[in-house]
Amino acid sequence: MERICRECGAPLTGRSDKKFCSDGCRTSWHNRRYCAMLSKAAAVNRTLMHNRKLLEAVYDKGIRRISLTDGALAGFDIRYFTSVETPLLRSAVYHCYEFSYVLSRGKLCRLAKAT
């Protein structure tokens, strides 16, 4: 049975467990395989960085409570945050990198920045 390269289909010679004919074919195969996963991760990170940029702009203006419909938060996506704390009997505290906030009735309340 002839073994062939997973990437280009060329016949393989050498080791019996060899899967690719060259480093280039191996790299191409892995790049294509992980491309979809990496592009999804990059899209999530772009959204997180956009949220962080908006929070930073609001925080730097001295605003600590703001409506999610306010123009200063245009494009803010509440589905994306880096972590969340859920203290007992209190509202969840969301974190977007060094910024933290609580959502309440369509508003960001208690916007804070970690030092």
PDB file of N, CA and C in Angstrom:
ATOM      1  N   MET A   1       0.847  -1.182   0.000  1.00  0.00           N
ATOM      2  CA  MET A   1       0.000   0.000   0.000  1.00  0.00           C
ATOM      3  C   MET A   1       0.892   1.244   0.000  1.00  0.00           C
ATOM      4  N   GLU A   2       0.670   2.117  -0.947  1.00  0.00           N
ATOM      5  CA  GLU A   2       1.477   3.336  -1.056  1.00  0.00           C
ATOM      6  C   GLU A   2       0.941   4.412  -0.116  1.00  0.00           C
ATOM      7  N   ARG A   3       1.857   5.001   0.624  1.00  0.00           N
ATOM      8  CA  ARG A   3       1.495   6.100   1.518  1.00  0.00           C
ATOM      9  C   ARG A   3       1.657   7.409   0.774  1.00  0.00           C
ATOM     10  N   ILE A   4       0.694   8.342   1.000  1.00  0.00           N
ATOM     11  CA  ILE A   4       0.759   9.631   0.314  1.00  0.00           C
ATOM     12  C   ILE A   4       0.686  10.788   1.313  1.00  0.00           C
ATOM     13  N   CYS A   5       1.215  11.923   0.918  1.00  0.00           N
ATOM     14  CA  CYS A   5       1.213  13.140   1.732  1.00  0.00           C
ATOM     15  C   CYS A   5      -0.223  13.618   1.947  1.00  0.00           C
ATOM     16  N   ARG A   6      -0.578  13.953   3.179  1.00  0.00           N
ATOM     17  CA  ARG A   6      -1.923  14.437   3.482  1.00  0.00           C
ATOM     18  C   ARG A   6      -2.242  15.764   2.796  1.00  0.00           C
ATOM     19  N   GLU A   7      -1.223  16.526   2.484  1.00  0.00           N
ATOM     20  CA  GLU A   7      -1.432  17.855   1.903  1.00  0.00           C
ATOM     21  C   GLU A   7      -1.466  17.828   0.379  1.00  0.00           C
ATOM     22  N   CYS A   8      -0.429  17.294  -0.238  1.00  0.00           N
ATOM     23  CA  CYS A   8      -0.319  17.405  -1.703  1.00  0.00           C
ATOM     24  C   CYS A   8      -0.548  16.099  -2.452  1.00  0.00           C
ATOM     25  N   GLY A   9      -0.578  14.980  -1.727  1.00  0.00           N
ATOM     26  CA  GLY A   9      -0.815  13.693  -2.369  1.00  0.00           C
ATOM     27  C   GLY A   9       0.415  13.037  -2.963  1.00  0.00           C
ATOM     28  N   ALA A  10       1.589  13.617  -2.735  1.00  0.00           N
ATOM     29  CA  ALA A  10       2.830  13.031  -3.248  1.00  0.00           C
ATOM     30  C   ALA A  10       3.156  11.751  -2.484  1.00  0.00           C
ATOM     31  N   PRO A  11       3.812  10.793  -3.140  1.00  0.00           N
ATOM     32  CA  PRO A  11       4.196   9.561  -2.443  1.00  0.00           C
ATOM     33  C   PRO A  11       5.201   9.861  -1.329  1.00  0.00           C
ATOM     34  N   LEU A  12       5.081   9.128  -0.228  1.00  0.00           N
ATOM     35  CA  LEU A  12       5.977   9.324   0.913  1.00  0.00           C
ATOM     36  C   LEU A  12       7.072   8.272   0.916  1.00  0.00           C
ATOM     37  N   THR A  13       8.250   8.719   1.281  1.00  0.00           N
ATOM     38  CA  THR A  13       9.368   7.797   1.446  1.00  0.00           C
ATOM     39  C   THR A  13       9.984   8.060   2.807  1.00  0.00           C
ATOM     40  N   GLY A  14      10.647   7.076   3.355  1.00  0.00           N
ATOM     41  CA  GLY A  14      11.297   7.254   4.650  1.00  0.00           C
ATOM     42  C   GLY A  14      10.530   6.564   5.757  1.00  0.00           C
ATOM     43  N   ARG A  15      10.426   7.214   6.885  1.00  0.00           N
ATOM     44  CA  ARG A  15       9.812   6.616   8.070  1.00  0.00           C
ATOM     45  C   ARG A  15       8.400   6.106   7.798  1.00  0.00           C
ATOM     46  N   SER A  16       8.035   5.044   8.498  1.00  0.00           N
ATOM     47  CA  SER A  16       6.727   4.432   8.266  1.00  0.00           C
ATOM     48  C   SER A  16       5.579   5.257   8.842  1.00  0.00           C
ATOM     49  N   ASP A  17       5.865   6.138   9.804  1.00  0.00           N
ATOM     50  CA  ASP A  17       4.808   6.955  10.405  1.00  0.00           C
ATOM     51  C   ASP A  17       4.773   8.371   9.827  1.00  0.00           C
ATOM     52  N   LYS A  18       5.483   8.619   8.752  1.00  0.00           N
ATOM     53  CA  LYS A  18       5.540   9.928   8.115  1.00  0.00           C
ATOM     54  C   LYS A  18       4.180  10.237   7.483  1.00  0.00           C
ATOM     55  N   LYS A  19       3.712  11.477   7.644  1.00  0.00           N
ATOM     56  CA  LYS A  19       2.401  11.867   7.123  1.00  0.00           C
ATOM     57  C   LYS A  19       2.493  12.934   6.037  1.00  0.00           C
ATOM     58  N   PHE A  20       3.607  13.646   5.977  1.00  0.00           N
ATOM     59  CA  PHE A  20       3.777  14.741   5.022  1.00  0.00           C
ATOM     60  C   PHE A  20       5.108  14.581   4.299  1.00  0.00           C
ATOM     61  N   CYS A  21       5.160  15.062   3.075  1.00  0.00           N
ATOM     62  CA  CYS A  21       6.387  14.924   2.282  1.00  0.00           C
ATOM     63  C   CYS A  21       7.414  15.994   2.625  1.00  0.00           C
ATOM     64  N   SER A  22       6.971  17.108   3.235  1.00  0.00           N
ATOM     65  CA  SER A  22       7.904  18.194   3.552  1.00  0.00           C
ATOM     66  C   SER A  22       7.362  19.035   4.707  1.00  0.00           C
ATOM     67  N   ASP A  23       8.243  19.880   5.243  1.00  0.00           N
ATOM     68  CA  ASP A  23       7.812  20.804   6.298  1.00  0.00           C
ATOM     69  C   ASP A  23       6.766  21.779   5.767  1.00  0.00           C
ATOM     70  N   GLY A  24       6.911  22.184   4.517  1.00  0.00           N
ATOM     71  CA  GLY A  24       5.949  23.113   3.906  1.00  0.00           C
ATOM     72  C   GLY A  24       4.549  22.518   3.849  1.00  0.00           C
ATOM     73  N   CYS A  25       4.451  21.252   3.439  1.00  0.00           N
ATOM     74  CA  CYS A  25       3.139  20.585   3.385  1.00  0.00           C
ATOM     75  C   CYS A  25       2.552  20.423   4.788  1.00  0.00           C
ATOM     76  N   ARG A  26       3.397  20.048   5.748  1.00  0.00           N
ATOM     77  CA  ARG A  26       2.931  19.903   7.129  1.00  0.00           C
ATOM     78  C   ARG A  26       2.395  21.233   7.657  1.00  0.00           C
ATOM     79  N   THR A  27       3.121  22.317   7.420  1.00  0.00           N
ATOM     80  CA  THR A  27       2.709  23.642   7.877  1.00  0.00           C
ATOM     81  C   THR A  27       1.414  24.078   7.209  1.00  0.00           C
ATOM     82  N   SER A  28       1.293  23.878   5.908  1.00  0.00           N
ATOM     83  CA  SER A  28       0.078  24.251   5.168  1.00  0.00           C
ATOM     84  C   SER A  28      -1.140  23.496   5.696  1.00  0.00           C
ATOM     85  N   TRP A  29      -0.975  22.208   5.931  1.00  0.00           N
ATOM     86  CA  TRP A  29      -2.084  21.392   6.422  1.00  0.00           C
ATOM     87  C   TRP A  29      -2.556  21.882   7.785  1.00  0.00           C
ATOM     88  N   HIS A  30      -1.606  22.128   8.705  1.00  0.00           N
ATOM     89  CA  HIS A  30      -1.975  22.600  10.041  1.00  0.00           C
ATOM     90  C   HIS A  30      -2.563  24.008  10.001  1.00  0.00           C
ATOM     91  N   ASN A  31      -2.016  24.895   9.183  1.00  0.00           N
ATOM     92  CA  ASN A  31      -2.566  26.251   9.063  1.00  0.00           C
ATOM     93  C   ASN A  31      -4.006  26.225   8.594  1.00  0.00           C
ATOM     94  N   ARG A  32      -4.303  25.424   7.589  1.00  0.00           N
ATOM     95  CA  ARG A  32      -5.670  25.334   7.084  1.00  0.00           C
ATOM     96  C   ARG A  32      -6.597  24.728   8.139  1.00  0.00           C
ATOM     97  N   ARG A  33      -6.099  23.739   8.848  1.00  0.00           N
ATOM     98  CA  ARG A  33      -6.910  23.050   9.856  1.00  0.00           C
ATOM     99  C   ARG A  33      -7.304  23.982  11.010  1.00  0.00           C
ATOM    100  N   TYR A  34      -6.371  24.830  11.420  1.00  0.00           N
ATOM    101  CA  TYR A  34      -6.621  25.706  12.569  1.00  0.00           C
ATOM    102  C   TYR A  34      -7.094  27.104  12.185  1.00  0.00           C
ATOM    103  N   CYS A  35      -7.190  27.383  10.911  1.00  0.00           N
ATOM    104  CA  CYS A  35      -7.564  28.722  10.442  1.00  0.00           C
ATOM    105  C   CYS A  35      -8.934  29.141  10.982  1.00  0.00           C
ATOM    106  N   ALA A  36      -9.924  28.278  10.880  1.00  0.00           N
ATOM    107  CA  ALA A  36     -11.279  28.623  11.335  1.00  0.00           C
ATOM    108  C   ALA A  36     -11.290  28.895  12.838  1.00  0.00           C
ATOM    109  N   MET A  37     -10.601  28.051  13.607  1.00  0.00           N
ATOM    110  CA  MET A  37     -10.549  28.246  15.057  1.00  0.00           C
ATOM    111  C   MET A  37      -9.857  29.561  15.407  1.00  0.00           C
ATOM    112  N   LEU A  38      -8.751  29.835  14.744  1.00  0.00           N
ATOM    113  CA  LEU A  38      -8.006  31.051  15.039  1.00  0.00           C
ATOM    114  C   LEU A  38      -8.769  32.299  14.631  1.00  0.00           C
ATOM    115  N   SER A  39      -9.494  32.243  13.535  1.00  0.00           N
ATOM    116  CA  SER A  39     -10.244  33.419  13.112  1.00  0.00           C
ATOM    117  C   SER A  39     -11.401  33.709  14.075  1.00  0.00           C
ATOM    118  N   LYS A  40     -12.002  32.666  14.638  1.00  0.00           N
ATOM    119  CA  LYS A  40     -13.061  32.879  15.627  1.00  0.00           C
ATOM    120  C   LYS A  40     -12.488  33.504  16.898  1.00  0.00           C
ATOM    121  N   ALA A  41     -11.346  33.026  17.329  1.00  0.00           N
ATOM    122  CA  ALA A  41     -10.705  33.591  18.521  1.00  0.00           C
ATOM    123  C   ALA A  41     -10.312  35.038  18.280  1.00  0.00           C
ATOM    124  N   ALA A  42      -9.827  35.348  17.093  1.00  0.00           N
ATOM    125  CA  ALA A  42      -9.446  36.720  16.769  1.00  0.00           C
ATOM    126  C   ALA A  42     -10.668  37.632  16.765  1.00  0.00           C
ATOM    127  N   ALA A  43     -11.798  37.143  16.273  1.00  0.00           N
ATOM    128  CA  ALA A  43     -13.028  37.942  16.260  1.00  0.00           C
ATOM    129  C   ALA A  43     -13.500  38.235  17.679  1.00  0.00           C
ATOM    130  N   VAL A  44     -13.433  37.249  18.554  1.00  0.00           N
ATOM    131  CA  VAL A  44     -13.817  37.457  19.956  1.00  0.00           C
ATOM    132  C   VAL A  44     -12.897  38.473  20.605  1.00  0.00           C
ATOM    133  N   ASN A  45     -11.602  38.354  20.360  1.00  0.00           N
ATOM    134  CA  ASN A  45     -10.658  39.286  20.960  1.00  0.00           C
ATOM    135  C   ASN A  45     -10.861  40.710  20.436  1.00  0.00           C
ATOM    136  N   ARG A  46     -11.199  40.863  19.145  1.00  0.00           N
ATOM    137  CA  ARG A  46     -11.497  42.200  18.608  1.00  0.00           C
ATOM    138  C   ARG A  46     -12.690  42.816  19.325  1.00  0.00           C
ATOM    139  N   THR A  47     -13.729  42.022  19.571  1.00  0.00           N
ATOM    140  CA  THR A  47     -14.916  42.520  20.271  1.00  0.00           C
ATOM    141  C   THR A  47     -14.567  42.898  21.707  1.00  0.00           C
ATOM    142  N   LEU A  48     -13.783  42.061  22.388  1.00  0.00           N
ATOM    143  CA  LEU A  48     -13.367  42.375  23.760  1.00  0.00           C
ATOM    144  C   LEU A  48     -12.553  43.668  23.807  1.00  0.00           C
ATOM    145  N   MET A  49     -11.640  43.832  22.870  1.00  0.00           N
ATOM    146  CA  MET A  49     -10.818  45.041  22.845  1.00  0.00           C
ATOM    147  C   MET A  49     -11.655  46.273  22.516  1.00  0.00           C
ATOM    148  N   HIS A  50     -12.662  46.110  21.664  1.00  0.00           N
ATOM    149  CA  HIS A  50     -13.569  47.234  21.366  1.00  0.00           C
ATOM    150  C   HIS A  50     -14.355  47.617  22.621  1.00  0.00           C
ATOM    151  N   ASN A  51     -14.887  46.617  23.329  1.00  0.00           N
ATOM    152  CA  ASN A  51     -15.593  46.892  24.589  1.00  0.00           C
ATOM    153  C   ASN A  51     -14.684  47.606  25.571  1.00  0.00           C
ATOM    154  N   ARG A  52     -13.443  47.131  25.696  1.00  0.00           N
ATOM    155  CA  ARG A  52     -12.491  47.742  26.618  1.00  0.00           C
ATOM    156  C   ARG A  52     -12.217  49.195  26.236  1.00  0.00           C
ATOM    157  N   LYS A  53     -12.058  49.450  24.955  1.00  0.00           N
ATOM    158  CA  LYS A  53     -11.788  50.813  24.478  1.00  0.00           C
ATOM    159  C   LYS A  53     -12.951  51.747  24.824  1.00  0.00           C
ATOM    160  N   LEU A  54     -14.185  51.273  24.639  1.00  0.00           N
ATOM    161  CA  LEU A  54     -15.362  52.084  24.975  1.00  0.00           C
ATOM    162  C   LEU A  54     -15.436  52.345  26.477  1.00  0.00           C
ATOM    163  N   LEU A  55     -15.185  51.310  27.289  1.00  0.00           N
ATOM    164  CA  LEU A  55     -15.211  51.489  28.744  1.00  0.00           C
ATOM    165  C   LEU A  55     -14.126  52.468  29.188  1.00  0.00           C
ATOM    166  N   GLU A  56     -12.967  52.379  28.597  1.00  0.00           N
ATOM    167  CA  GLU A  56     -11.869  53.283  28.952  1.00  0.00           C
ATOM    168  C   GLU A  56     -12.223  54.733  28.624  1.00  0.00           C
ATOM    169  N   ALA A  57     -12.836  54.955  27.461  1.00  0.00           N
ATOM    170  CA  ALA A  57     -13.216  56.314  27.061  1.00  0.00           C
ATOM    171  C   ALA A  57     -14.239  56.897  28.026  1.00  0.00           C
ATOM    172  N   VAL A  58     -15.227  56.103  28.400  1.00  0.00           N
ATOM    173  CA  VAL A  58     -16.248  56.559  29.351  1.00  0.00           C
ATOM    174  C   VAL A  58     -15.617  56.818  30.719  1.00  0.00           C
ATOM    175  N   TYR A  59     -14.776  55.904  31.174  1.00  0.00           N
ATOM    176  CA  TYR A  59     -14.131  56.030  32.482  1.00  0.00           C
ATOM    177  C   TYR A  59     -13.240  57.267  32.532  1.00  0.00           C
ATOM    178  N   ASP A  60     -12.492  57.507  31.472  1.00  0.00           N
ATOM    179  CA  ASP A  60     -11.598  58.664  31.437  1.00  0.00           C
ATOM    180  C   ASP A  60     -12.349  59.988  31.470  1.00  0.00           C
ATOM    181  N   LYS A  61     -13.612  59.984  31.056  1.00  0.00           N
ATOM    182  CA  LYS A  61     -14.450  61.190  31.126  1.00  0.00           C
ATOM    183  C   LYS A  61     -15.050  61.378  32.519  1.00  0.00           C
ATOM    184  N   GLY A  62     -14.802  60.437  33.416  1.00  0.00           N
ATOM    185  CA  GLY A  62     -15.327  60.527  34.777  1.00  0.00           C
ATOM    186  C   GLY A  62     -16.729  59.974  34.947  1.00  0.00           C
ATOM    187  N   ILE A  63     -17.240  59.318  33.930  1.00  0.00           N
ATOM    188  CA  ILE A  63     -18.593  58.751  33.979  1.00  0.00           C
ATOM    189  C   ILE A  63     -18.532  57.386  34.647  1.00  0.00           C
ATOM    190  N   ARG A  64     -19.376  57.180  35.667  1.00  0.00           N
ATOM    191  CA  ARG A  64     -19.402  55.907  36.375  1.00  0.00           C
ATOM    192  C   ARG A  64     -20.728  55.165  36.227  1.00  0.00           C
ATOM    193  N   ARG A  65     -21.737  55.860  35.716  1.00  0.00           N
ATOM    194  CA  ARG A  65     -23.040  55.243  35.421  1.00  0.00           C
ATOM    195  C   ARG A  65     -23.478  55.761  34.058  1.00  0.00           C
ATOM    196  N   ILE A  66     -23.843  54.848  33.172  1.00  0.00           N
ATOM    197  CA  ILE A  66     -24.208  55.250  31.811  1.00  0.00           C
ATOM    198  C   ILE A  66     -25.176  54.229  31.227  1.00  0.00           C
ATOM    199  N   SER A  67     -26.103  54.711  30.403  1.00  0.00           N
ATOM    200  CA  SER A  67     -27.060  53.829  29.741  1.00  0.00           C
ATOM    201  C   SER A  67     -26.371  53.103  28.597  1.00  0.00           C
ATOM    202  N   LEU A  68     -26.748  51.853  28.384  1.00  0.00           N
ATOM    203  CA  LEU A  68     -26.187  51.074  27.276  1.00  0.00           C
ATOM    204  C   LEU A  68     -26.592  51.657  25.928  1.00  0.00           C
ATOM    205  N   THR A  69     -27.648  52.457  25.904  1.00  0.00           N
ATOM    206  CA  THR A  69     -28.086  53.070  24.647  1.00  0.00           C
ATOM    207  C   THR A  69     -27.402  54.413  24.408  1.00  0.00           C
ATOM    208  N   ASP A  70     -26.592  54.865  25.331  1.00  0.00           N
ATOM    209  CA  ASP A  70     -25.864  56.119  25.159  1.00  0.00           C
ATOM    210  C   ASP A  70     -24.901  56.000  23.980  1.00  0.00           C
ATOM    211  N   GLY A  71     -24.764  57.070  23.223  1.00  0.00           N
ATOM    212  CA  GLY A  71     -23.894  57.073  22.055  1.00  0.00           C
ATOM    213  C   GLY A  71     -22.444  56.752  22.369  1.00  0.00           C
ATOM    214  N   ALA A  72     -21.995  57.080  23.579  1.00  0.00           N
ATOM    215  CA  ALA A  72     -20.606  56.807  23.965  1.00  0.00           C
ATOM    216  C   ALA A  72     -20.316  55.314  24.007  1.00  0.00           C
ATOM    217  N   LEU A  73     -21.364  54.499  24.136  1.00  0.00           N
ATOM    218  CA  LEU A  73     -21.185  53.043  24.179  1.00  0.00           C
ATOM    219  C   LEU A  73     -21.680  52.375  22.898  1.00  0.00           C
ATOM    220  N   ALA A  74     -21.756  53.130  21.820  1.00  0.00           N
ATOM    221  CA  ALA A  74     -22.202  52.557  20.543  1.00  0.00           C
ATOM    222  C   ALA A  74     -21.291  51.404  20.148  1.00  0.00           C
ATOM    223  N   GLY A  75     -21.882  50.249  19.932  1.00  0.00           N
ATOM    224  CA  GLY A  75     -21.119  49.072  19.550  1.00  0.00           C
ATOM    225  C   GLY A  75     -20.691  48.201  20.723  1.00  0.00           C
ATOM    226  N   PHE A  76     -21.003  48.606  21.953  1.00  0.00           N
ATOM    227  CA  PHE A  76     -20.664  47.797  23.121  1.00  0.00           C
ATOM    228  C   PHE A  76     -21.494  46.527  23.081  1.00  0.00           C
ATOM    229  N   ASP A  77     -20.867  45.382  23.204  1.00  0.00           N
ATOM    230  CA  ASP A  77     -21.552  44.090  23.135  1.00  0.00           C
ATOM    231  C   ASP A  77     -21.511  43.435  24.516  1.00  0.00           C
ATOM    232  N   ILE A  78     -22.665  43.422  25.194  1.00  0.00           N
ATOM    233  CA  ILE A  78     -22.715  42.915  26.574  1.00  0.00           C
ATOM    234  C   ILE A  78     -22.475  41.413  26.665  1.00  0.00           C
ATOM    235  N   ARG A  79     -22.490  40.710  25.539  1.00  0.00           N
ATOM    236  CA  ARG A  79     -22.250  39.258  25.564  1.00  0.00           C
ATOM    237  C   ARG A  79     -20.782  38.916  25.747  1.00  0.00           C
ATOM    238  N   TYR A  80     -19.902  39.890  25.595  1.00  0.00           N
ATOM    239  CA  TYR A  80     -18.466  39.629  25.649  1.00  0.00           C
ATOM    240  C   TYR A  80     -17.827  40.322  26.845  1.00  0.00           C
ATOM    241  N   PHE A  81     -17.213  39.539  27.707  1.00  0.00           N
ATOM    242  CA  PHE A  81     -16.492  40.038  28.876  1.00  0.00           C
ATOM    243  C   PHE A  81     -15.431  39.006  29.210  1.00  0.00           C
ATOM    244  N   THR A  82     -14.416  39.403  29.976  1.00  0.00           N
ATOM    245  CA  THR A  82     -13.319  38.477  30.245  1.00  0.00           C
ATOM    246  C   THR A  82     -13.580  37.584  31.446  1.00  0.00           C
ATOM    247  N   SER A  83     -14.380  38.054  32.406  1.00  0.00           N
ATOM    248  CA  SER A  83     -14.752  37.203  33.539  1.00  0.00           C
ATOM    249  C   SER A  83     -15.973  37.803  34.226  1.00  0.00           C
ATOM    250  N   VAL A  84     -16.571  37.024  35.110  1.00  0.00           N
ATOM    251  CA  VAL A  84     -17.743  37.489  35.855  1.00  0.00           C
ATOM    252  C   VAL A  84     -17.675  36.934  37.271  1.00  0.00           C
ATOM    253  N   GLU A  85     -18.052  37.758  38.231  1.00  0.00           N
ATOM    254  CA  GLU A  85     -18.170  37.334  39.629  1.00  0.00           C
ATOM    255  C   GLU A  85     -19.642  37.381  39.994  1.00  0.00           C
ATOM    256  N   THR A  86     -20.107  36.369  40.705  1.00  0.00           N
ATOM    257  CA  THR A  86     -21.505  36.354  41.130  1.00  0.00           C
ATOM    258  C   THR A  86     -21.562  36.228  42.653  1.00  0.00           C
ATOM    259  N   PRO A  87     -21.398  37.362  43.354  1.00  0.00           N
ATOM    260  CA  PRO A  87     -21.462  37.326  44.818  1.00  0.00           C
ATOM    261  C   PRO A  87     -22.868  36.959  45.294  1.00  0.00           C
ATOM    262  N   LEU A  88     -22.946  36.329  46.449  1.00  0.00           N
ATOM    263  CA  LEU A  88     -24.247  35.957  47.009  1.00  0.00           C
ATOM    264  C   LEU A  88     -25.091  37.195  47.269  1.00  0.00           C
ATOM    265  N   LEU A  89     -26.358  37.114  46.871  1.00  0.00           N
ATOM    266  CA  LEU A  89     -27.348  38.161  47.108  1.00  0.00           C
ATOM    267  C   LEU A  89     -26.977  39.522  46.524  1.00  0.00           C
ATOM    268  N   ARG A  90     -26.107  39.544  45.523  1.00  0.00           N
ATOM    269  CA  ARG A  90     -25.730  40.800  44.870  1.00  0.00           C
ATOM    270  C   ARG A  90     -25.706  40.592  43.369  1.00  0.00           C
ATOM    271  N   SER A  91     -25.699  41.675  42.664  1.00  0.00           N
ATOM    272  CA  SER A  91     -25.653  41.615  41.197  1.00  0.00           C
ATOM    273  C   SER A  91     -24.298  41.116  40.717  1.00  0.00           C
ATOM    274  N   ALA A  92     -24.310  40.493  39.569  1.00  0.00           N
ATOM    275  CA  ALA A  92     -23.071  39.988  38.975  1.00  0.00           C
ATOM    276  C   ALA A  92     -22.164  41.154  38.598  1.00  0.00           C
ATOM    277  N   VAL A  93     -20.880  40.964  38.823  1.00  0.00           N
ATOM    278  CA  VAL A  93     -19.878  41.961  38.452  1.00  0.00           C
ATOM    279  C   VAL A  93     -19.129  41.408  37.239  1.00  0.00           C
ATOM    280  N   TYR A  94     -19.205  42.138  36.140  1.00  0.00           N
ATOM    281  CA  TYR A  94     -18.559  41.737  34.900  1.00  0.00           C
ATOM    282  C   TYR A  94     -17.223  42.450  34.774  1.00  0.00           C
ATOM    283  N   HIS A  95     -16.253  41.768  34.179  1.00  0.00           N
ATOM    284  CA  HIS A  95     -14.931  42.345  33.974  1.00  0.00           C
ATOM    285  C   HIS A  95     -14.602  42.288  32.486  1.00  0.00           C
ATOM    286  N   CYS A  96     -14.051  43.370  32.005  1.00  0.00           N
ATOM    287  CA  CYS A  96     -13.514  43.423  30.651  1.00  0.00           C
ATOM    288  C   CYS A  96     -12.093  43.939  30.814  1.00  0.00           C
ATOM    289  N   TYR A  97     -11.168  42.999  30.898  1.00  0.00           N
ATOM    290  CA  TYR A  97      -9.769  43.294  31.232  1.00  0.00           C
ATOM    291  C   TYR A  97      -9.735  44.012  32.577  1.00  0.00           C
ATOM    292  N   GLU A  98      -9.194  45.219  32.663  1.00  0.00           N
ATOM    293  CA  GLU A  98      -9.054  45.868  33.974  1.00  0.00           C
ATOM    294  C   GLU A  98     -10.296  46.652  34.399  1.00  0.00           C
ATOM    295  N   PHE A  99     -11.317  46.712  33.565  1.00  0.00           N
ATOM    296  CA  PHE A  99     -12.540  47.435  33.905  1.00  0.00           C
ATOM    297  C   PHE A  99     -13.587  46.468  34.439  1.00  0.00           C
ATOM    298  N   SER A 100     -14.366  46.922  35.419  1.00  0.00           N
ATOM    299  CA  SER A 100     -15.454  46.104  35.958  1.00  0.00           C
ATOM    300  C   SER A 100     -16.718  46.952  35.999  1.00  0.00           C
ATOM    301  N   TYR A 101     -17.856  46.272  35.884  1.00  0.00           N
ATOM    302  CA  TYR A 101     -19.134  46.978  35.869  1.00  0.00           C
ATOM    303  C   TYR A 101     -20.245  46.031  36.274  1.00  0.00           C
ATOM    304  N   VAL A 102     -21.371  46.637  36.668  1.00  0.00           N
ATOM    305  CA  VAL A 102     -22.575  45.892  37.007  1.00  0.00           C
ATOM    306  C   VAL A 102     -23.652  46.352  36.043  1.00  0.00           C
ATOM    307  N   LEU A 103     -24.410  45.422  35.498  1.00  0.00           N
ATOM    308  CA  LEU A 103     -25.529  45.768  34.626  1.00  0.00           C
ATOM    309  C   LEU A 103     -26.804  45.823  35.447  1.00  0.00           C
ATOM    310  N   SER A 104     -27.561  46.896  35.269  1.00  0.00           N
ATOM    311  CA  SER A 104     -28.806  47.043  36.004  1.00  0.00           C
ATOM    312  C   SER A 104     -29.786  47.848  35.164  1.00  0.00           C
ATOM    313  N   ARG A 105     -30.871  47.221  34.767  1.00  0.00           N
ATOM    314  CA  ARG A 105     -31.934  47.882  34.003  1.00  0.00           C
ATOM    315  C   ARG A 105     -31.401  48.638  32.785  1.00  0.00           C
ATOM    316  N   GLY A 106     -30.592  47.994  32.012  1.00  0.00           N
ATOM    317  CA  GLY A 106     -30.089  48.595  30.793  1.00  0.00           C
ATOM    318  C   GLY A 106     -29.006  49.639  30.996  1.00  0.00           C
ATOM    319  N   LYS A 107     -28.424  49.668  32.177  1.00  0.00           N
ATOM    320  CA  LYS A 107     -27.375  50.645  32.453  1.00  0.00           C
ATOM    321  C   LYS A 107     -26.129  49.963  32.993  1.00  0.00           C
ATOM    322  N   LEU A 108     -25.003  50.545  32.680  1.00  0.00           N
ATOM    323  CA  LEU A 108     -23.762  50.145  33.321  1.00  0.00           C
ATOM    324  C   LEU A 108     -23.680  50.949  34.611  1.00  0.00           C
ATOM    325  N   CYS A 109     -23.618  50.272  35.705  1.00  0.00           N
ATOM    326  CA  CYS A 109     -23.531  50.955  36.990  1.00  0.00           C
ATOM    327  C   CYS A 109     -22.219  50.586  37.669  1.00  0.00           C
ATOM    328  N   ARG A 110     -21.745  51.465  38.462  1.00  0.00           N
ATOM    329  CA  ARG A 110     -20.526  51.248  39.221  1.00  0.00           C
ATOM    330  C   ARG A 110     -19.346  50.820  38.348  1.00  0.00           C
ATOM    331  N   LEU A 111     -19.126  51.562  37.306  1.00  0.00           N
ATOM    332  CA  LEU A 111     -17.978  51.327  36.437  1.00  0.00           C
ATOM    333  C   LEU A 111     -16.713  51.620  37.227  1.00  0.00           C
ATOM    334  N   ALA A 112     -15.789  50.697  37.227  1.00  0.00           N
ATOM    335  CA  ALA A 112     -14.548  50.864  37.993  1.00  0.00           C
ATOM    336  C   ALA A 112     -13.374  50.334  37.176  1.00  0.00           C
ATOM    337  N   LYS A 113     -12.197  50.781  37.571  1.00  0.00           N
ATOM    338  CA  LYS A 113     -10.966  50.334  36.916  1.00  0.00           C
ATOM    339  C   LYS A 113     -10.022  49.807  37.979  1.00  0.00           C
ATOM    340  N   ALA A 114      -9.474  48.615  37.727  1.00  0.00           N
ATOM    341  CA  ALA A 114      -8.508  48.035  38.652  1.00  0.00           C
ATOM    342  C   ALA A 114      -7.195  48.810  38.554  1.00  0.00           C
ATOM    343  N   THR A 115      -6.550  48.971  39.674  1.00  0.00           N
ATOM    344  CA  THR A 115      -5.284  49.709  39.661  1.00  0.00           C
ATOM    345  C   THR A 115      -4.109  48.771  39.694  1.00  0.00           C
TER     346      THR A 115
END
